[in-house]
Amino acid sequence: MSDFGLDLTRAEEELDDDTAGEVVLGVLDGSTDAAEWIDAVRSGDVLVLAVEGDLNRLAAGFAREIRERGGSLTHFRGFLVVTPEGVDIDTDRL
């Protein structure tokens, strides 16, 4: 077997340290400022928010901006799933 000369330590150092965000669980009830949700998604977080109230009214402050930035929003079984650009929500199995 030939030796590739691959230096894994050096390769890890070259990787972009800008890792993906977290999955943030929360409640969408109007008590959290829309800017906080936008900032979380902007930083790469995925939001899973339990909707308590009128979804359209509660998401009005951030939904358009999330979509304009390439993110996705999907309402599923009482939850709103919000993802940043580059993270798709696969609904094919619903």
N, C-alpha and C. Protein backbone atom coordinates (compact mmCIF):
# COMPACT_ATOMS: atom_id res chain seq x y z
N MET A 1 0.84 -1.17 0.00
CA MET A 1 0.00 0.00 0.00
C MET A 1 0.90 1.24 0.00
N SER A 2 0.56 2.22 -0.82
CA SER A 2 1.39 3.42 -0.90
C SER A 2 1.07 4.39 0.23
N ASP A 3 2.06 5.22 0.54
CA ASP A 3 1.91 6.21 1.59
C ASP A 3 1.48 7.53 0.95
N PHE A 4 0.32 8.02 1.35
CA PHE A 4 -0.20 9.27 0.79
C PHE A 4 0.51 10.50 1.35
N GLY A 5 1.12 10.37 2.50
CA GLY A 5 1.76 11.53 3.12
C GLY A 5 0.75 12.52 3.66
N LEU A 6 -0.38 12.03 4.07
CA LEU A 6 -1.46 12.89 4.56
C LEU A 6 -1.21 13.23 6.02
N ASP A 7 -1.14 14.50 6.30
CA ASP A 7 -0.95 14.99 7.67
C ASP A 7 -2.30 15.44 8.21
N LEU A 8 -2.98 14.55 8.95
CA LEU A 8 -4.33 14.86 9.44
C LEU A 8 -4.34 16.02 10.42
N THR A 9 -3.31 16.17 11.21
CA THR A 9 -3.26 17.29 12.14
C THR A 9 -3.25 18.60 11.37
N ARG A 10 -2.43 18.67 10.36
CA ARG A 10 -2.37 19.89 9.54
C ARG A 10 -3.69 20.11 8.80
N ALA A 11 -4.30 19.05 8.32
CA ALA A 11 -5.57 19.18 7.61
C ALA A 11 -6.65 19.74 8.53
N GLU A 12 -6.71 19.28 9.77
CA GLU A 12 -7.69 19.78 10.72
C GLU A 12 -7.48 21.27 10.99
N GLU A 13 -6.22 21.68 11.03
CA GLU A 13 -5.91 23.09 11.27
C GLU A 13 -6.39 23.97 10.12
N GLU A 14 -6.42 23.40 8.92
CA GLU A 14 -6.82 24.15 7.75
C GLU A 14 -8.34 24.24 7.59
N LEU A 15 -9.06 23.37 8.28
CA LEU A 15 -10.51 23.40 8.18
C LEU A 15 -11.05 24.70 8.74
N ASP A 16 -12.12 25.16 8.13
CA ASP A 16 -12.78 26.36 8.61
C ASP A 16 -13.38 26.07 9.98
N ASP A 17 -13.03 26.88 10.96
CA ASP A 17 -13.51 26.67 12.33
C ASP A 17 -14.90 27.23 12.54
N ASP A 18 -15.51 27.74 11.49
CA ASP A 18 -16.83 28.34 11.58
C ASP A 18 -17.88 27.22 11.52
N THR A 19 -18.05 26.50 12.62
CA THR A 19 -18.93 25.34 12.65
C THR A 19 -20.38 25.75 12.64
N ALA A 20 -21.22 24.80 12.33
CA ALA A 20 -22.66 25.05 12.31
C ALA A 20 -23.15 25.38 13.70
N GLY A 21 -24.31 25.99 13.73
CA GLY A 21 -24.89 26.39 15.00
C GLY A 21 -25.50 25.24 15.76
N GLU A 22 -26.40 25.59 16.62
CA GLU A 22 -27.06 24.63 17.50
C GLU A 22 -28.52 24.47 17.08
N VAL A 23 -29.18 23.49 17.66
CA VAL A 23 -30.62 23.38 17.56
C VAL A 23 -31.16 24.03 18.83
N VAL A 24 -31.94 25.08 18.65
CA VAL A 24 -32.46 25.85 19.77
C VAL A 24 -33.95 25.54 19.94
N LEU A 25 -34.32 25.05 21.11
CA LEU A 25 -35.72 24.80 21.42
C LEU A 25 -36.27 26.01 22.16
N GLY A 26 -37.46 26.43 21.77
CA GLY A 26 -38.04 27.60 22.41
C GLY A 26 -39.54 27.62 22.25
N VAL A 27 -40.13 28.68 22.76
CA VAL A 27 -41.57 28.87 22.69
C VAL A 27 -41.83 30.17 21.93
N LEU A 28 -42.67 30.09 20.92
CA LEU A 28 -43.06 31.25 20.14
C LEU A 28 -44.40 31.73 20.68
N ASP A 29 -44.33 32.69 21.61
CA ASP A 29 -45.54 33.20 22.24
C ASP A 29 -45.59 34.72 22.28
N GLY A 30 -44.63 35.36 21.62
CA GLY A 30 -44.58 36.81 21.60
C GLY A 30 -43.72 37.42 22.68
N SER A 31 -43.19 36.60 23.59
CA SER A 31 -42.39 37.15 24.69
C SER A 31 -40.93 37.37 24.30
N THR A 32 -40.48 36.77 23.20
CA THR A 32 -39.11 36.94 22.73
C THR A 32 -39.11 37.89 21.55
N ASP A 33 -38.23 38.87 21.59
CA ASP A 33 -38.13 39.84 20.52
C ASP A 33 -37.75 39.15 19.21
N ALA A 34 -38.37 39.56 18.11
CA ALA A 34 -38.10 38.97 16.80
C ALA A 34 -36.62 39.06 16.43
N ALA A 35 -35.96 40.13 16.83
CA ALA A 35 -34.53 40.29 16.52
C ALA A 35 -33.69 39.18 17.14
N GLU A 36 -34.12 38.67 18.27
CA GLU A 36 -33.38 37.57 18.92
C GLU A 36 -33.46 36.30 18.07
N TRP A 37 -34.63 36.02 17.50
CA TRP A 37 -34.78 34.84 16.64
C TRP A 37 -33.95 35.04 15.37
N ILE A 38 -33.98 36.24 14.80
CA ILE A 38 -33.22 36.53 13.58
C ILE A 38 -31.73 36.36 13.85
N ASP A 39 -31.25 36.89 14.95
CA ASP A 39 -29.83 36.77 15.29
C ASP A 39 -29.41 35.31 15.45
N ALA A 40 -30.28 34.52 16.06
CA ALA A 40 -29.95 33.10 16.26
C ALA A 40 -29.81 32.39 14.92
N VAL A 41 -30.74 32.63 14.01
CA VAL A 41 -30.69 31.98 12.70
C VAL A 41 -29.51 32.52 11.90
N ARG A 42 -29.25 33.82 12.01
CA ARG A 42 -28.12 34.43 11.31
C ARG A 42 -26.80 33.78 11.74
N SER A 43 -26.73 33.37 13.01
CA SER A 43 -25.50 32.75 13.50
C SER A 43 -25.43 31.25 13.19
N GLY A 44 -26.44 30.72 12.49
CA GLY A 44 -26.40 29.33 12.06
C GLY A 44 -27.25 28.38 12.87
N ASP A 45 -28.00 28.90 13.82
CA ASP A 45 -28.85 28.02 14.65
C ASP A 45 -30.10 27.61 13.91
N VAL A 46 -30.60 26.42 14.26
CA VAL A 46 -31.90 25.94 13.81
C VAL A 46 -32.85 26.11 14.99
N LEU A 47 -34.00 26.73 14.75
CA LEU A 47 -34.98 26.94 15.80
C LEU A 47 -36.11 25.93 15.70
N VAL A 48 -36.49 25.36 16.82
CA VAL A 48 -37.69 24.52 16.91
C VAL A 48 -38.54 25.17 17.99
N LEU A 49 -39.59 25.88 17.54
CA LEU A 49 -40.37 26.72 18.44
C LEU A 49 -41.79 26.17 18.59
N ALA A 50 -42.19 25.93 19.83
CA ALA A 50 -43.57 25.53 20.12
C ALA A 50 -44.44 26.78 19.95
N VAL A 51 -45.42 26.69 19.09
CA VAL A 51 -46.27 27.85 18.78
C VAL A 51 -47.42 27.91 19.78
N GLU A 52 -47.48 29.03 20.49
CA GLU A 52 -48.56 29.26 21.45
C GLU A 52 -49.30 30.53 21.06
N GLY A 53 -50.26 30.37 20.17
CA GLY A 53 -51.03 31.51 19.68
C GLY A 53 -51.13 31.47 18.18
N ASP A 54 -51.44 32.64 17.59
CA ASP A 54 -51.61 32.77 16.15
C ASP A 54 -50.24 32.81 15.47
N LEU A 55 -49.91 31.77 14.74
CA LEU A 55 -48.61 31.64 14.10
C LEU A 55 -48.29 32.83 13.21
N ASN A 56 -49.22 33.24 12.38
CA ASN A 56 -48.97 34.34 11.45
C ASN A 56 -48.61 35.62 12.19
N ARG A 57 -49.30 35.93 13.25
CA ARG A 57 -49.02 37.13 14.03
C ARG A 57 -47.69 37.01 14.76
N LEU A 58 -47.44 35.84 15.35
CA LEU A 58 -46.23 35.64 16.14
C LEU A 58 -44.95 35.62 15.31
N ALA A 59 -45.04 35.12 14.09
CA ALA A 59 -43.85 35.02 13.23
C ALA A 59 -43.68 36.22 12.31
N ALA A 60 -44.62 37.13 12.31
CA ALA A 60 -44.59 38.26 11.38
C ALA A 60 -43.33 39.11 11.52
N GLY A 61 -42.77 39.19 12.70
CA GLY A 61 -41.61 40.04 12.93
C GLY A 61 -40.30 39.49 12.41
N PHE A 62 -40.26 38.21 12.05
CA PHE A 62 -38.99 37.63 11.59
C PHE A 62 -39.09 36.74 10.37
N ALA A 63 -40.26 36.26 10.01
CA ALA A 63 -40.39 35.29 8.92
C ALA A 63 -39.89 35.83 7.58
N ARG A 64 -40.28 37.04 7.24
CA ARG A 64 -39.88 37.60 5.95
C ARG A 64 -38.36 37.75 5.86
N GLU A 65 -37.75 38.25 6.93
CA GLU A 65 -36.29 38.44 6.90
C GLU A 65 -35.56 37.10 6.80
N ILE A 66 -36.05 36.09 7.50
CA ILE A 66 -35.44 34.77 7.43
C ILE A 66 -35.49 34.25 5.99
N ARG A 67 -36.64 34.38 5.35
CA ARG A 67 -36.78 33.91 3.97
C ARG A 67 -35.90 34.71 3.02
N GLU A 68 -35.85 36.04 3.22
CA GLU A 68 -35.02 36.88 2.35
C GLU A 68 -33.54 36.52 2.47
N ARG A 69 -33.13 36.00 3.61
CA ARG A 69 -31.74 35.60 3.83
C ARG A 69 -31.49 34.16 3.38
N GLY A 70 -32.50 33.53 2.77
CA GLY A 70 -32.33 32.18 2.25
C GLY A 70 -32.72 31.08 3.21
N GLY A 71 -33.25 31.45 4.37
CA GLY A 71 -33.68 30.46 5.36
C GLY A 71 -35.03 29.85 5.02
N SER A 72 -35.42 28.88 5.83
CA SER A 72 -36.70 28.19 5.63
C SER A 72 -37.50 28.18 6.91
N LEU A 73 -38.83 28.18 6.76
CA LEU A 73 -39.74 28.06 7.89
C LEU A 73 -40.78 27.00 7.55
N THR A 74 -41.02 26.09 8.46
CA THR A 74 -42.03 25.04 8.26
C THR A 74 -42.80 24.84 9.55
N HIS A 75 -44.13 24.86 9.44
CA HIS A 75 -44.99 24.60 10.58
C HIS A 75 -45.32 23.11 10.59
N PHE A 76 -45.03 22.44 11.70
CA PHE A 76 -45.25 21.00 11.79
C PHE A 76 -45.72 20.64 13.19
N ARG A 77 -46.94 20.14 13.28
CA ARG A 77 -47.50 19.64 14.53
C ARG A 77 -47.34 20.58 15.72
N GLY A 78 -47.68 21.82 15.52
CA GLY A 78 -47.63 22.79 16.60
C GLY A 78 -46.27 23.42 16.83
N PHE A 79 -45.32 23.09 15.97
CA PHE A 79 -43.98 23.66 16.08
C PHE A 79 -43.64 24.42 14.80
N LEU A 80 -42.86 25.46 14.95
CA LEU A 80 -42.31 26.16 13.80
C LEU A 80 -40.82 25.83 13.76
N VAL A 81 -40.39 25.23 12.64
CA VAL A 81 -38.98 24.90 12.45
C VAL A 81 -38.39 25.96 11.54
N VAL A 82 -37.33 26.61 12.01
CA VAL A 82 -36.71 27.71 11.27
C VAL A 82 -35.25 27.37 11.07
N THR A 83 -34.81 27.41 9.81
CA THR A 83 -33.43 27.05 9.50
C THR A 83 -32.73 28.19 8.76
N PRO A 84 -31.42 28.28 8.92
CA PRO A 84 -30.67 29.29 8.18
C PRO A 84 -30.44 28.85 6.73
N GLU A 85 -29.89 29.75 5.95
CA GLU A 85 -29.54 29.45 4.57
C GLU A 85 -28.62 28.23 4.53
N GLY A 86 -28.89 27.34 3.58
CA GLY A 86 -28.06 26.16 3.42
C GLY A 86 -28.52 24.95 4.21
N VAL A 87 -29.52 25.13 5.05
CA VAL A 87 -30.08 24.00 5.81
C VAL A 87 -31.53 23.85 5.35
N ASP A 88 -31.78 22.83 4.57
CA ASP A 88 -33.12 22.61 4.03
C ASP A 88 -33.96 21.78 4.99
N ILE A 89 -35.26 21.97 4.92
CA ILE A 89 -36.20 21.17 5.70
C ILE A 89 -36.84 20.19 4.73
N ASP A 90 -36.60 18.91 4.96
CA ASP A 90 -37.12 17.86 4.08
C ASP A 90 -38.49 17.43 4.59
N THR A 91 -39.53 17.75 3.81
CA THR A 91 -40.89 17.40 4.19
C THR A 91 -41.44 16.26 3.32
N ASP A 92 -40.58 15.57 2.61
CA ASP A 92 -41.03 14.52 1.69
C ASP A 92 -41.75 13.37 2.40
N ARG A 93 -41.48 13.12 3.65
CA ARG A 93 -42.06 11.98 4.35
C ARG A 93 -43.35 12.34 5.09
N LEU A 94 -43.77 13.57 4.97
CA LEU A 94 -45.01 13.98 5.66
C LEU A 94 -46.23 13.57 4.89
